[in-house]
C-alpha cells in the first residue's frame, strides 16, 4: 500500500476520508474503526496480549515510538481490565483525535480554523493529499477483491482491508458480502492474525466488535 510508514490506525483514519468530498464523517463508527486498528497493531507488536479474552499489557515499560499507539497502551495499563470488544469503544474518540492530529502534522490532512455563526471557533479537517487517499482506497479494494492469495498479502494490508470491510468505510458497497466475500474476509482475518500466538483470537474479537456495530447501524 502507499505510504507504508503510516501506522494501521492512521491508514484506517485516512481511509475514512472520502476523496470525492474531501471530508470525513466524524462518527462513532469511524472512531471505533481507528481504535480497532490501534489495538490490532499493538497486539501485532506483542505489546497487548490476550488473557482469557481480556486485553492485557505484556509489560509495564515497552513502547512503540508512535505517540498514538503508546498513548493507548498507557491508557490500557492505567485502566481496569477490559475485554477487547470493550476497548474498541471505550474512549475511542481519544485515539481518533490523536491520529487525526498526527495526520495533520504529517501533511495528509489540513486543519482550517473557522467560526460558526461568525462567533464560535471551530476546526474543519480536509484532505491535503487526495491522491494518497484515493490510492489507499484502490489498494484496499484490490486486497478485498483481487486475485492475490491472502497468504501473499502483508499482515498490515490484510488488517486494513478486513477492518475497513467490517466498518463498511472506504471500501466498495457490499465488500465482504456473499459466500466469496465472506471467505475472503476470513482468509484476510486469518492472515493479519498470524503474527503471534493468540493473534487470531484477538483480531477476531476486534473485527467482530466493528462488524456488529456496523450491522446494528445498518439495521437502524
N, C-alpha and C. Protein backbone atom coordinates (compact mmCIF):
# COMPACT_ATOMS: atom_id res chain seq x y z
N UNK A 1 0.83 -1.20 0.00
CA UNK A 1 0.00 0.00 0.00
C UNK A 1 0.87 1.26 0.00
N UNK A 2 0.33 2.39 -0.43
CA UNK A 2 1.12 3.62 -0.45
C UNK A 2 1.45 4.08 0.96
N UNK A 3 2.58 4.81 1.09
CA UNK A 3 2.96 5.40 2.37
C UNK A 3 3.01 4.36 3.48
N UNK A 4 3.89 3.38 3.28
CA UNK A 4 3.99 2.27 4.22
C UNK A 4 4.39 2.67 5.61
N UNK A 5 4.87 3.91 5.81
CA UNK A 5 5.27 4.33 7.14
C UNK A 5 4.08 4.63 8.04
N UNK A 6 2.91 4.80 7.47
CA UNK A 6 1.72 5.10 8.26
C UNK A 6 1.35 3.91 9.14
N UNK A 7 0.97 4.19 10.38
CA UNK A 7 0.51 3.14 11.28
C UNK A 7 -0.82 2.60 10.79
N UNK A 8 -1.23 1.47 11.34
CA UNK A 8 -2.51 0.88 10.98
C UNK A 8 -3.68 1.80 11.31
N UNK A 9 -3.75 2.38 12.52
CA UNK A 9 -4.86 3.31 12.78
C UNK A 9 -4.83 4.55 11.90
N UNK A 10 -3.62 5.02 11.53
CA UNK A 10 -3.53 6.19 10.65
C UNK A 10 -4.06 5.86 9.26
N UNK A 11 -3.75 4.68 8.77
CA UNK A 11 -4.27 4.27 7.46
C UNK A 11 -5.79 4.19 7.49
N UNK A 12 -6.33 3.61 8.54
CA UNK A 12 -7.78 3.46 8.64
C UNK A 12 -8.46 4.82 8.78
N UNK A 13 -7.83 5.73 9.50
CA UNK A 13 -8.39 7.08 9.64
C UNK A 13 -8.40 7.78 8.29
N UNK A 14 -7.30 7.67 7.55
CA UNK A 14 -7.22 8.29 6.23
C UNK A 14 -8.21 7.64 5.27
N UNK A 15 -8.40 6.35 5.40
CA UNK A 15 -9.33 5.63 4.54
C UNK A 15 -10.76 6.11 4.74
N UNK A 16 -11.07 6.62 5.92
CA UNK A 16 -12.43 7.07 6.22
C UNK A 16 -12.77 8.40 5.54
N UNK A 17 -11.74 9.12 5.08
CA UNK A 17 -12.00 10.37 4.37
C UNK A 17 -12.43 10.07 2.94
N UNK A 18 -13.48 10.69 2.48
CA UNK A 18 -13.98 10.48 1.13
C UNK A 18 -13.27 11.45 0.17
N UNK A 19 -12.42 10.93 -0.72
CA UNK A 19 -11.69 11.83 -1.62
C UNK A 19 -12.60 12.66 -2.52
N UNK A 20 -13.81 12.16 -2.77
CA UNK A 20 -14.73 12.89 -3.63
C UNK A 20 -15.28 14.13 -2.94
N UNK A 21 -15.31 14.09 -1.61
CA UNK A 21 -15.86 15.22 -0.85
C UNK A 21 -14.80 15.90 0.01
N UNK A 22 -13.63 15.26 0.11
CA UNK A 22 -12.51 15.79 0.89
C UNK A 22 -12.87 15.95 2.36
N UNK A 23 -13.91 15.25 2.80
CA UNK A 23 -14.30 15.32 4.20
C UNK A 23 -14.59 13.94 4.75
N UNK A 24 -14.58 13.82 6.06
CA UNK A 24 -14.86 12.52 6.70
C UNK A 24 -15.95 12.69 7.72
N UNK A 25 -16.76 11.67 7.86
CA UNK A 25 -17.80 11.69 8.89
C UNK A 25 -17.15 11.46 10.24
N UNK A 26 -17.30 12.43 11.12
CA UNK A 26 -16.75 12.33 12.47
C UNK A 26 -17.78 11.58 13.32
N UNK A 27 -17.84 10.28 13.14
CA UNK A 27 -18.86 9.47 13.80
C UNK A 27 -18.23 8.42 14.70
N UNK A 28 -19.05 7.85 15.56
CA UNK A 28 -18.57 6.81 16.47
C UNK A 28 -18.00 5.63 15.69
N UNK A 29 -18.59 5.31 14.54
CA UNK A 29 -18.12 4.16 13.77
C UNK A 29 -16.68 4.39 13.29
N UNK A 30 -16.39 5.62 12.86
CA UNK A 30 -15.02 5.94 12.46
C UNK A 30 -14.08 5.86 13.66
N UNK A 31 -14.51 6.40 14.78
CA UNK A 31 -13.69 6.35 16.00
C UNK A 31 -13.37 4.90 16.36
N UNK A 32 -14.38 4.04 16.30
CA UNK A 32 -14.19 2.64 16.68
C UNK A 32 -13.30 1.90 15.69
N UNK A 33 -13.41 2.26 14.41
CA UNK A 33 -12.55 1.64 13.40
C UNK A 33 -11.09 1.98 13.67
N UNK A 34 -10.82 3.24 13.95
CA UNK A 34 -9.45 3.68 14.22
C UNK A 34 -8.92 3.02 15.48
N UNK A 35 -9.74 2.96 16.52
CA UNK A 35 -9.32 2.29 17.76
C UNK A 35 -9.05 0.81 17.51
N UNK A 36 -9.88 0.16 16.70
CA UNK A 36 -9.67 -1.26 16.37
C UNK A 36 -8.32 -1.46 15.70
N UNK A 37 -7.95 -0.53 14.81
CA UNK A 37 -6.66 -0.61 14.17
C UNK A 37 -5.51 -0.46 15.16
N UNK A 38 -5.66 0.45 16.13
CA UNK A 38 -4.61 0.65 17.13
C UNK A 38 -4.45 -0.58 18.01
N UNK A 39 -5.56 -1.18 18.42
CA UNK A 39 -5.50 -2.40 19.23
C UNK A 39 -4.82 -3.53 18.47
N UNK A 40 -5.18 -3.66 17.19
CA UNK A 40 -4.59 -4.72 16.37
C UNK A 40 -3.09 -4.53 16.22
N UNK A 41 -2.66 -3.28 15.98
CA UNK A 41 -1.23 -3.05 15.80
C UNK A 41 -0.45 -3.30 17.09
N UNK A 42 -1.00 -2.90 18.22
CA UNK A 42 -0.33 -3.16 19.50
C UNK A 42 -0.22 -4.67 19.75
N UNK A 43 -1.26 -5.40 19.37
CA UNK A 43 -1.21 -6.85 19.53
C UNK A 43 -0.18 -7.47 18.59
N UNK A 44 -0.10 -6.95 17.35
CA UNK A 44 0.88 -7.47 16.41
C UNK A 44 2.31 -7.20 16.87
N UNK A 45 2.49 -6.10 17.62
CA UNK A 45 3.81 -5.80 18.18
C UNK A 45 4.09 -6.64 19.43
N UNK A 46 3.09 -7.37 19.91
CA UNK A 46 3.28 -8.17 21.12
C UNK A 46 3.18 -7.37 22.40
N UNK A 47 2.69 -6.12 22.31
CA UNK A 47 2.59 -5.26 23.49
C UNK A 47 1.26 -5.40 24.21
N UNK A 48 0.24 -5.87 23.51
CA UNK A 48 -1.02 -6.27 24.13
C UNK A 48 -1.22 -7.74 23.83
N UNK A 49 -1.53 -8.51 24.85
CA UNK A 49 -1.76 -9.93 24.68
C UNK A 49 -3.14 -10.28 25.21
N UNK A 50 -3.60 -11.46 24.85
CA UNK A 50 -4.93 -11.90 25.28
C UNK A 50 -4.82 -12.76 26.54
N UNK A 51 -5.58 -12.40 27.56
CA UNK A 51 -5.64 -13.17 28.79
C UNK A 51 -7.10 -13.55 29.04
N UNK A 52 -7.50 -14.68 28.48
CA UNK A 52 -8.87 -15.16 28.62
C UNK A 52 -9.88 -14.11 28.15
N UNK A 53 -9.59 -13.49 26.99
CA UNK A 53 -10.50 -12.51 26.41
C UNK A 53 -10.27 -11.09 26.85
N UNK A 54 -9.32 -10.86 27.76
CA UNK A 54 -9.03 -9.53 28.28
C UNK A 54 -7.77 -8.98 27.62
N UNK A 55 -7.83 -7.74 27.15
CA UNK A 55 -6.66 -7.08 26.57
C UNK A 55 -5.69 -6.73 27.69
N UNK A 56 -4.50 -7.32 27.66
CA UNK A 56 -3.56 -7.21 28.78
C UNK A 56 -2.19 -6.74 28.30
N UNK A 57 -1.64 -5.68 28.90
CA UNK A 57 -0.29 -5.25 28.53
C UNK A 57 0.72 -6.36 28.82
N UNK A 58 1.66 -6.56 27.89
CA UNK A 58 2.67 -7.60 28.07
C UNK A 58 3.65 -7.23 29.18
N UNK A 59 3.91 -5.92 29.34
CA UNK A 59 4.79 -5.46 30.41
C UNK A 59 4.47 -4.00 30.69
N UNK A 60 5.21 -3.40 31.59
CA UNK A 60 4.92 -2.03 32.01
C UNK A 60 5.84 -0.99 31.38
N UNK A 61 6.77 -1.42 30.56
CA UNK A 61 7.79 -0.48 30.09
C UNK A 61 7.90 -0.32 28.59
N UNK A 62 7.50 -1.29 27.80
CA UNK A 62 7.74 -1.27 26.35
C UNK A 62 6.97 -0.14 25.68
N UNK A 63 7.56 0.40 24.61
CA UNK A 63 6.95 1.45 23.81
C UNK A 63 7.13 1.13 22.34
N UNK A 64 6.29 1.75 21.49
CA UNK A 64 6.43 1.57 20.04
C UNK A 64 7.18 2.72 19.40
N UNK A 65 7.21 3.88 20.06
CA UNK A 65 7.77 5.08 19.45
C UNK A 65 6.75 5.91 18.71
N UNK A 66 5.52 5.37 18.58
CA UNK A 66 4.42 6.09 17.95
C UNK A 66 3.56 6.67 19.08
N UNK A 67 3.37 7.99 19.08
CA UNK A 67 2.69 8.65 20.19
C UNK A 67 1.26 8.15 20.38
N UNK A 68 0.56 7.87 19.28
CA UNK A 68 -0.82 7.40 19.37
C UNK A 68 -0.89 6.01 19.98
N UNK A 69 -0.08 5.11 19.47
CA UNK A 69 -0.08 3.74 19.98
C UNK A 69 0.38 3.70 21.43
N UNK A 70 1.40 4.47 21.76
CA UNK A 70 1.89 4.48 23.13
C UNK A 70 0.88 5.12 24.08
N UNK A 71 0.13 6.10 23.57
CA UNK A 71 -0.91 6.70 24.40
C UNK A 71 -2.00 5.70 24.74
N UNK A 72 -2.41 4.89 23.76
CA UNK A 72 -3.42 3.87 24.02
C UNK A 72 -2.88 2.80 24.95
N UNK A 73 -1.64 2.41 24.74
CA UNK A 73 -1.03 1.40 25.60
C UNK A 73 -1.00 1.88 27.05
N UNK A 74 -0.67 3.14 27.25
CA UNK A 74 -0.65 3.70 28.61
C UNK A 74 -2.06 3.73 29.20
N UNK A 75 -3.05 4.06 28.38
CA UNK A 75 -4.43 4.07 28.86
C UNK A 75 -4.86 2.68 29.33
N UNK A 76 -4.51 1.66 28.56
CA UNK A 76 -4.86 0.29 28.95
C UNK A 76 -4.16 -0.09 30.24
N UNK A 77 -2.90 0.30 30.38
CA UNK A 77 -2.15 -0.03 31.60
C UNK A 77 -2.75 0.62 32.84
N UNK A 78 -3.27 1.84 32.67
CA UNK A 78 -3.76 2.60 33.82
C UNK A 78 -5.22 2.33 34.15
N UNK A 79 -5.90 1.56 33.30
CA UNK A 79 -7.34 1.34 33.46
C UNK A 79 -7.62 -0.03 34.06
N UNK A 80 -8.86 -0.21 34.47
CA UNK A 80 -9.31 -1.53 34.90
C UNK A 80 -9.26 -2.48 33.71
N UNK A 81 -9.11 -3.77 33.95
CA UNK A 81 -9.08 -4.72 32.82
C UNK A 81 -10.40 -4.71 32.04
N UNK A 82 -10.28 -4.75 30.73
CA UNK A 82 -11.47 -4.80 29.86
C UNK A 82 -11.22 -5.80 28.74
N UNK A 83 -12.32 -6.33 28.23
CA UNK A 83 -12.24 -7.22 27.09
C UNK A 83 -11.95 -6.41 25.82
N UNK A 84 -11.49 -7.09 24.78
CA UNK A 84 -11.14 -6.42 23.53
C UNK A 84 -12.30 -5.63 22.95
N UNK A 85 -13.48 -6.22 22.97
CA UNK A 85 -14.64 -5.53 22.37
C UNK A 85 -14.97 -4.25 23.12
N UNK A 86 -14.73 -4.24 24.42
CA UNK A 86 -14.97 -3.02 25.19
C UNK A 86 -13.97 -1.94 24.80
N UNK A 87 -12.71 -2.33 24.60
CA UNK A 87 -11.68 -1.35 24.25
C UNK A 87 -11.88 -0.79 22.85
N UNK A 88 -12.57 -1.48 21.98
CA UNK A 88 -12.88 -0.91 20.66
C UNK A 88 -13.71 0.36 20.81
N UNK A 89 -14.55 0.40 21.84
CA UNK A 89 -15.47 1.53 22.03
C UNK A 89 -15.01 2.53 23.10
N UNK A 90 -14.40 2.04 24.17
CA UNK A 90 -14.14 2.86 25.35
C UNK A 90 -13.15 3.99 25.07
N UNK A 91 -13.61 5.24 25.24
CA UNK A 91 -12.78 6.42 24.98
C UNK A 91 -12.15 6.39 23.59
N UNK A 92 -12.87 5.82 22.62
CA UNK A 92 -12.30 5.66 21.28
C UNK A 92 -12.01 7.00 20.62
N UNK A 93 -12.77 8.02 20.95
CA UNK A 93 -12.53 9.32 20.32
C UNK A 93 -11.15 9.87 20.65
N UNK A 94 -10.64 9.52 21.82
CA UNK A 94 -9.30 9.99 22.20
C UNK A 94 -8.27 9.52 21.17
N UNK A 95 -8.36 8.26 20.78
CA UNK A 95 -7.43 7.71 19.78
C UNK A 95 -7.67 8.34 18.42
N UNK A 96 -8.94 8.49 18.04
CA UNK A 96 -9.25 9.11 16.74
C UNK A 96 -8.69 10.52 16.65
N UNK A 97 -8.92 11.34 17.69
CA UNK A 97 -8.43 12.72 17.68
C UNK A 97 -6.91 12.77 17.58
N UNK A 98 -6.24 11.86 18.30
CA UNK A 98 -4.78 11.85 18.28
C UNK A 98 -4.26 11.45 16.91
N UNK A 99 -4.89 10.47 16.27
CA UNK A 99 -4.47 10.05 14.92
C UNK A 99 -4.72 11.18 13.93
N UNK A 100 -5.87 11.83 14.04
CA UNK A 100 -6.19 12.93 13.12
C UNK A 100 -5.14 14.05 13.23
N UNK A 101 -4.75 14.39 14.44
CA UNK A 101 -3.73 15.43 14.60
C UNK A 101 -2.38 14.96 14.06
N UNK A 102 -2.11 13.68 14.19
CA UNK A 102 -0.88 13.13 13.64
C UNK A 102 -0.87 13.26 12.11
N UNK A 103 -2.01 12.99 11.49
CA UNK A 103 -2.11 13.11 10.03
C UNK A 103 -2.00 14.57 9.58
N UNK A 104 -2.49 15.48 10.40
CA UNK A 104 -2.32 16.90 10.10
C UNK A 104 -0.83 17.27 10.15
N UNK A 105 -0.15 16.83 11.21
CA UNK A 105 1.26 17.15 11.39
C UNK A 105 2.12 16.60 10.26
N UNK A 106 1.71 15.46 9.68
CA UNK A 106 2.48 14.83 8.62
C UNK A 106 2.02 15.25 7.23
N UNK A 107 1.04 16.16 7.17
CA UNK A 107 0.66 16.74 5.89
C UNK A 107 -0.39 15.99 5.10
N UNK A 108 -0.99 14.97 5.68
CA UNK A 108 -2.03 14.21 4.97
C UNK A 108 -3.39 14.91 5.07
N UNK A 109 -3.62 15.61 6.18
CA UNK A 109 -4.85 16.36 6.39
C UNK A 109 -4.50 17.82 6.63
N UNK A 110 -5.50 18.68 6.42
CA UNK A 110 -5.34 20.10 6.65
C UNK A 110 -6.38 20.54 7.69
N UNK A 111 -5.94 21.26 8.70
CA UNK A 111 -6.84 21.78 9.72
C UNK A 111 -7.09 23.27 9.45
N UNK A 112 -8.35 23.63 9.22
CA UNK A 112 -8.69 25.01 8.90
C UNK A 112 -9.59 25.58 10.00
N UNK A 113 -9.12 26.64 10.61
CA UNK A 113 -9.88 27.27 11.69
C UNK A 113 -11.01 28.10 11.10
N UNK A 114 -12.19 27.95 11.67
CA UNK A 114 -13.37 28.70 11.22
C UNK A 114 -14.13 29.20 12.44
N UNK A 115 -15.14 30.04 12.16
CA UNK A 115 -16.04 30.49 13.24
C UNK A 115 -17.47 30.18 12.84
N UNK A 116 -18.14 29.42 13.68
CA UNK A 116 -19.54 29.09 13.45
C UNK A 116 -20.40 30.30 13.82
N UNK A 117 -21.28 30.68 12.90
CA UNK A 117 -22.12 31.86 13.08
C UNK A 117 -21.28 33.12 13.31
N UNK A 118 -20.03 33.06 12.86
CA UNK A 118 -19.16 34.21 13.00
C UNK A 118 -18.64 34.44 14.40
N UNK A 119 -18.96 33.51 15.33
CA UNK A 119 -18.60 33.74 16.73
C UNK A 119 -17.81 32.57 17.32
N UNK A 120 -18.38 31.36 17.21
CA UNK A 120 -17.80 30.21 17.91
C UNK A 120 -16.67 29.59 17.10
N UNK A 121 -15.48 29.49 17.69
CA UNK A 121 -14.35 28.91 16.95
C UNK A 121 -14.51 27.41 16.74
N UNK A 122 -14.12 26.95 15.58
CA UNK A 122 -14.15 25.51 15.28
C UNK A 122 -13.03 25.21 14.30
N UNK A 123 -12.77 23.92 14.11
CA UNK A 123 -11.73 23.48 13.18
C UNK A 123 -12.35 22.51 12.19
N UNK A 124 -12.12 22.74 10.91
CA UNK A 124 -12.60 21.85 9.87
C UNK A 124 -11.41 21.12 9.26
N UNK A 125 -11.52 19.80 9.18
CA UNK A 125 -10.42 18.99 8.67
C UNK A 125 -10.73 18.55 7.24
N UNK A 126 -9.78 18.74 6.35
CA UNK A 126 -9.95 18.33 4.96
C UNK A 126 -8.71 17.59 4.49
N UNK A 127 -8.89 16.83 3.41
CA UNK A 127 -7.76 16.09 2.84
C UNK A 127 -6.77 17.06 2.20
N UNK A 128 -5.52 16.89 2.53
CA UNK A 128 -4.47 17.68 1.88
C UNK A 128 -3.81 16.87 0.77
N UNK A 129 -3.87 15.55 0.87
CA UNK A 129 -3.24 14.68 -0.13
C UNK A 129 -4.30 13.72 -0.66
N UNK A 130 -5.14 14.25 -1.53
CA UNK A 130 -6.27 13.50 -2.08
C UNK A 130 -5.80 12.27 -2.84
N UNK A 131 -4.72 12.39 -3.58
CA UNK A 131 -4.21 11.27 -4.38
C UNK A 131 -3.82 10.09 -3.50
N UNK A 132 -3.28 10.38 -2.34
CA UNK A 132 -2.89 9.31 -1.42
C UNK A 132 -4.13 8.58 -0.91
N UNK A 133 -5.16 9.33 -0.55
CA UNK A 133 -6.40 8.71 -0.07
C UNK A 133 -7.04 7.85 -1.15
N UNK A 134 -7.01 8.33 -2.39
CA UNK A 134 -7.58 7.55 -3.49
C UNK A 134 -6.78 6.26 -3.71
N UNK A 135 -5.46 6.38 -3.68
CA UNK A 135 -4.61 5.21 -3.87
C UNK A 135 -4.82 4.19 -2.77
N UNK A 136 -5.00 4.67 -1.55
CA UNK A 136 -5.24 3.78 -0.41
C UNK A 136 -6.55 3.02 -0.59
N UNK A 137 -7.59 3.73 -1.05
CA UNK A 137 -8.88 3.07 -1.29
C UNK A 137 -8.77 2.03 -2.41
N UNK A 138 -8.06 2.37 -3.45
CA UNK A 138 -7.93 1.45 -4.57
C UNK A 138 -7.15 0.20 -4.17
N UNK A 139 -6.08 0.38 -3.42
CA UNK A 139 -5.30 -0.77 -2.99
C UNK A 139 -6.12 -1.65 -2.03
N UNK A 140 -6.90 -1.04 -1.17
CA UNK A 140 -7.75 -1.80 -0.25
C UNK A 140 -8.79 -2.60 -1.03
N UNK A 141 -9.34 -1.98 -2.06
CA UNK A 141 -10.30 -2.70 -2.91
C UNK A 141 -9.64 -3.91 -3.56
N UNK A 142 -8.41 -3.72 -4.05
CA UNK A 142 -7.72 -4.83 -4.71
C UNK A 142 -7.43 -5.97 -3.73
N UNK A 143 -7.10 -5.61 -2.50
CA UNK A 143 -6.85 -6.65 -1.50
C UNK A 143 -8.13 -7.44 -1.23
N UNK A 144 -9.26 -6.74 -1.18
CA UNK A 144 -10.54 -7.40 -0.91
C UNK A 144 -11.05 -8.21 -2.09
N UNK A 145 -10.85 -7.70 -3.29
CA UNK A 145 -11.49 -8.31 -4.45
C UNK A 145 -10.52 -8.93 -5.45
N UNK A 146 -9.23 -8.66 -5.30
CA UNK A 146 -8.27 -9.09 -6.29
C UNK A 146 -7.87 -10.55 -6.17
N UNK A 147 -7.05 -11.00 -7.11
CA UNK A 147 -6.68 -12.41 -7.19
C UNK A 147 -5.52 -12.82 -6.29
N UNK A 148 -4.82 -11.84 -5.67
CA UNK A 148 -3.65 -12.17 -4.87
C UNK A 148 -4.05 -13.03 -3.67
N UNK A 149 -3.45 -14.21 -3.51
CA UNK A 149 -3.78 -15.06 -2.35
C UNK A 149 -3.56 -14.33 -1.04
N UNK A 150 -4.42 -14.58 -0.07
CA UNK A 150 -4.32 -13.88 1.22
C UNK A 150 -2.97 -14.09 1.86
N UNK A 151 -2.38 -15.27 1.65
CA UNK A 151 -1.08 -15.56 2.24
C UNK A 151 0.03 -14.70 1.71
N UNK A 152 -0.18 -14.04 0.56
CA UNK A 152 0.83 -13.17 -0.03
C UNK A 152 0.57 -11.69 0.26
N UNK A 153 -0.54 -11.40 0.95
CA UNK A 153 -0.85 -10.03 1.35
C UNK A 153 -0.11 -9.76 2.65
N UNK A 154 0.44 -8.55 2.81
CA UNK A 154 1.13 -8.23 4.06
C UNK A 154 0.11 -8.23 5.21
N UNK A 155 0.60 -8.49 6.41
CA UNK A 155 -0.29 -8.53 7.57
C UNK A 155 -1.00 -7.19 7.78
N UNK A 156 -0.28 -6.09 7.55
CA UNK A 156 -0.88 -4.78 7.74
C UNK A 156 -1.95 -4.50 6.69
N UNK A 157 -1.67 -4.82 5.42
CA UNK A 157 -2.66 -4.60 4.37
C UNK A 157 -3.89 -5.47 4.60
N UNK A 158 -3.67 -6.70 5.07
CA UNK A 158 -4.81 -7.59 5.35
C UNK A 158 -5.66 -7.01 6.47
N UNK A 159 -5.02 -6.45 7.49
CA UNK A 159 -5.77 -5.86 8.61
C UNK A 159 -6.56 -4.64 8.16
N UNK A 160 -5.93 -3.78 7.34
CA UNK A 160 -6.64 -2.60 6.83
C UNK A 160 -7.89 -3.01 6.07
N UNK A 161 -7.75 -3.96 5.15
CA UNK A 161 -8.88 -4.38 4.33
C UNK A 161 -9.97 -5.04 5.15
N UNK A 162 -9.59 -5.94 6.04
CA UNK A 162 -10.59 -6.66 6.83
C UNK A 162 -11.36 -5.72 7.76
N UNK A 163 -10.65 -4.82 8.44
CA UNK A 163 -11.32 -3.91 9.37
C UNK A 163 -12.17 -2.88 8.62
N UNK A 164 -11.66 -2.38 7.49
CA UNK A 164 -12.45 -1.42 6.71
C UNK A 164 -13.73 -2.07 6.20
N UNK A 165 -13.64 -3.33 5.78
CA UNK A 165 -14.84 -4.04 5.32
C UNK A 165 -15.82 -4.24 6.48
N UNK A 166 -15.29 -4.53 7.67
CA UNK A 166 -16.16 -4.71 8.83
C UNK A 166 -16.93 -3.44 9.15
N UNK A 167 -16.26 -2.28 8.97
CA UNK A 167 -16.91 -0.99 9.25
C UNK A 167 -17.66 -0.44 8.05
N UNK A 168 -17.49 -1.06 6.87
CA UNK A 168 -18.10 -0.56 5.63
C UNK A 168 -17.71 0.89 5.39
N UNK A 169 -16.41 1.17 5.56
CA UNK A 169 -15.88 2.52 5.35
C UNK A 169 -14.67 2.45 4.44
N UNK A 170 -14.69 3.26 3.38
CA UNK A 170 -13.55 3.31 2.48
C UNK A 170 -13.42 2.12 1.56
N UNK A 171 -14.46 1.31 1.46
CA UNK A 171 -14.44 0.13 0.59
C UNK A 171 -15.70 0.12 -0.25
N UNK A 172 -15.72 -0.64 -1.36
CA UNK A 172 -16.92 -0.69 -2.18
C UNK A 172 -18.13 -1.20 -1.40
N UNK A 173 -19.30 -0.71 -1.73
CA UNK A 173 -20.53 -1.16 -1.07
C UNK A 173 -20.66 -2.68 -1.20
N UNK A 174 -20.98 -3.31 -0.09
CA UNK A 174 -21.17 -4.76 -0.12
C UNK A 174 -19.89 -5.56 -0.05
N UNK A 175 -18.76 -4.90 0.17
CA UNK A 175 -17.49 -5.63 0.27
C UNK A 175 -17.56 -6.64 1.40
N UNK A 176 -17.16 -7.84 1.11
CA UNK A 176 -17.19 -8.89 2.13
C UNK A 176 -18.51 -9.62 2.23
N UNK A 177 -19.47 -9.27 1.38
CA UNK A 177 -20.77 -9.95 1.40
C UNK A 177 -20.76 -11.10 0.41
N UNK A 178 -21.74 -11.98 0.53
CA UNK A 178 -21.79 -13.15 -0.33
C UNK A 178 -20.78 -14.19 0.13
N UNK A 179 -20.93 -15.41 -0.34
CA UNK A 179 -20.06 -16.50 0.10
C UNK A 179 -18.59 -16.22 -0.22
N UNK A 180 -18.35 -15.73 -1.43
CA UNK A 180 -16.97 -15.45 -1.83
C UNK A 180 -16.36 -14.34 -0.99
N UNK A 181 -17.14 -13.28 -0.76
CA UNK A 181 -16.65 -12.16 0.03
C UNK A 181 -16.38 -12.56 1.47
N UNK A 182 -17.28 -13.37 2.04
CA UNK A 182 -17.08 -13.82 3.42
C UNK A 182 -15.85 -14.71 3.53
N UNK A 183 -15.65 -15.56 2.55
CA UNK A 183 -14.45 -16.42 2.56
C UNK A 183 -13.19 -15.58 2.51
N UNK A 184 -13.21 -14.53 1.68
CA UNK A 184 -12.04 -13.66 1.56
C UNK A 184 -11.75 -12.95 2.88
N UNK A 185 -12.80 -12.46 3.54
CA UNK A 185 -12.61 -11.79 4.82
C UNK A 185 -12.03 -12.76 5.84
N UNK A 186 -12.52 -13.99 5.85
CA UNK A 186 -12.00 -15.00 6.77
C UNK A 186 -10.51 -15.23 6.51
N UNK A 187 -10.13 -15.31 5.24
CA UNK A 187 -8.72 -15.51 4.89
C UNK A 187 -7.86 -14.32 5.33
N UNK A 188 -8.37 -13.11 5.08
CA UNK A 188 -7.60 -11.91 5.44
C UNK A 188 -7.50 -11.76 6.95
N UNK A 189 -8.59 -12.08 7.65
CA UNK A 189 -8.56 -12.01 9.11
C UNK A 189 -7.54 -13.00 9.66
N UNK A 190 -7.50 -14.18 9.08
CA UNK A 190 -6.51 -15.16 9.49
C UNK A 190 -5.09 -14.68 9.20
N UNK A 191 -4.91 -14.03 8.06
CA UNK A 191 -3.60 -13.53 7.68
C UNK A 191 -3.11 -12.47 8.66
N UNK A 192 -3.96 -11.50 9.01
CA UNK A 192 -3.50 -10.44 9.92
C UNK A 192 -3.46 -10.92 11.37
N UNK A 193 -3.97 -12.12 11.61
CA UNK A 193 -3.90 -12.70 12.95
C UNK A 193 -2.83 -13.76 13.09
N UNK A 194 -1.91 -13.80 12.13
CA UNK A 194 -0.91 -14.87 12.12
C UNK A 194 0.41 -14.45 12.74
N UNK A 195 0.51 -13.23 13.24
CA UNK A 195 1.80 -12.71 13.69
C UNK A 195 2.31 -13.37 14.95
N UNK A 196 1.42 -13.78 15.85
CA UNK A 196 1.86 -14.31 17.13
C UNK A 196 0.76 -15.19 17.72
N UNK A 197 1.11 -16.04 18.68
CA UNK A 197 0.09 -16.86 19.33
C UNK A 197 -1.03 -16.00 19.92
N UNK A 198 -2.25 -16.39 19.69
CA UNK A 198 -3.39 -15.65 20.23
C UNK A 198 -3.87 -14.53 19.34
N UNK A 199 -3.09 -14.16 18.30
CA UNK A 199 -3.48 -13.04 17.46
C UNK A 199 -4.77 -13.30 16.70
N UNK A 200 -4.96 -14.54 16.26
CA UNK A 200 -6.18 -14.84 15.50
C UNK A 200 -7.43 -14.55 16.35
N UNK A 201 -7.36 -14.93 17.62
CA UNK A 201 -8.49 -14.67 18.53
C UNK A 201 -8.67 -13.16 18.74
N UNK A 202 -7.57 -12.46 18.93
CA UNK A 202 -7.64 -11.01 19.16
C UNK A 202 -8.26 -10.31 17.96
N UNK A 203 -7.73 -10.61 16.77
CA UNK A 203 -8.26 -9.97 15.56
C UNK A 203 -9.72 -10.32 15.36
N UNK A 204 -10.08 -11.56 15.64
CA UNK A 204 -11.48 -11.97 15.52
C UNK A 204 -12.39 -11.18 16.44
N UNK A 205 -11.93 -10.94 17.68
CA UNK A 205 -12.72 -10.17 18.64
C UNK A 205 -12.88 -8.72 18.19
N UNK A 206 -11.77 -8.12 17.77
CA UNK A 206 -11.80 -6.72 17.34
C UNK A 206 -12.65 -6.58 16.08
N UNK A 207 -12.44 -7.47 15.11
CA UNK A 207 -13.23 -7.43 13.88
C UNK A 207 -14.71 -7.61 14.18
N UNK A 208 -15.03 -8.54 15.09
CA UNK A 208 -16.42 -8.78 15.44
C UNK A 208 -17.09 -7.57 16.07
N UNK A 209 -16.34 -6.83 16.89
CA UNK A 209 -16.91 -5.64 17.52
C UNK A 209 -17.27 -4.59 16.49
N UNK A 210 -16.37 -4.35 15.53
CA UNK A 210 -16.62 -3.35 14.49
C UNK A 210 -17.75 -3.81 13.57
N UNK A 211 -17.74 -5.08 13.21
CA UNK A 211 -18.75 -5.63 12.31
C UNK A 211 -20.14 -5.58 12.94
N UNK A 212 -20.23 -5.93 14.22
CA UNK A 212 -21.52 -5.93 14.91
C UNK A 212 -22.11 -4.52 14.98
N UNK A 213 -21.26 -3.54 15.23
CA UNK A 213 -21.74 -2.15 15.30
C UNK A 213 -22.23 -1.70 13.93
N UNK A 214 -21.52 -2.09 12.87
CA UNK A 214 -21.92 -1.69 11.52
C UNK A 214 -23.25 -2.32 11.16
N UNK A 215 -23.44 -3.58 11.50
CA UNK A 215 -24.71 -4.25 11.23
C UNK A 215 -25.85 -3.61 11.99
N UNK A 216 -25.60 -3.21 13.22
CA UNK A 216 -26.61 -2.56 14.04
C UNK A 216 -26.98 -1.20 13.45
N UNK A 217 -25.98 -0.46 12.99
CA UNK A 217 -26.24 0.85 12.40
C UNK A 217 -27.04 0.72 11.11
N UNK A 218 -26.72 -0.31 10.31
CA UNK A 218 -27.44 -0.53 9.06
C UNK A 218 -28.90 -0.89 9.32
N UNK A 219 -29.11 -1.71 10.34
CA UNK A 219 -30.47 -2.12 10.67
C UNK A 219 -31.30 -0.93 11.16
N UNK A 220 -30.64 -0.03 11.92
CA UNK A 220 -31.35 1.14 12.42
C UNK A 220 -31.71 2.10 11.30
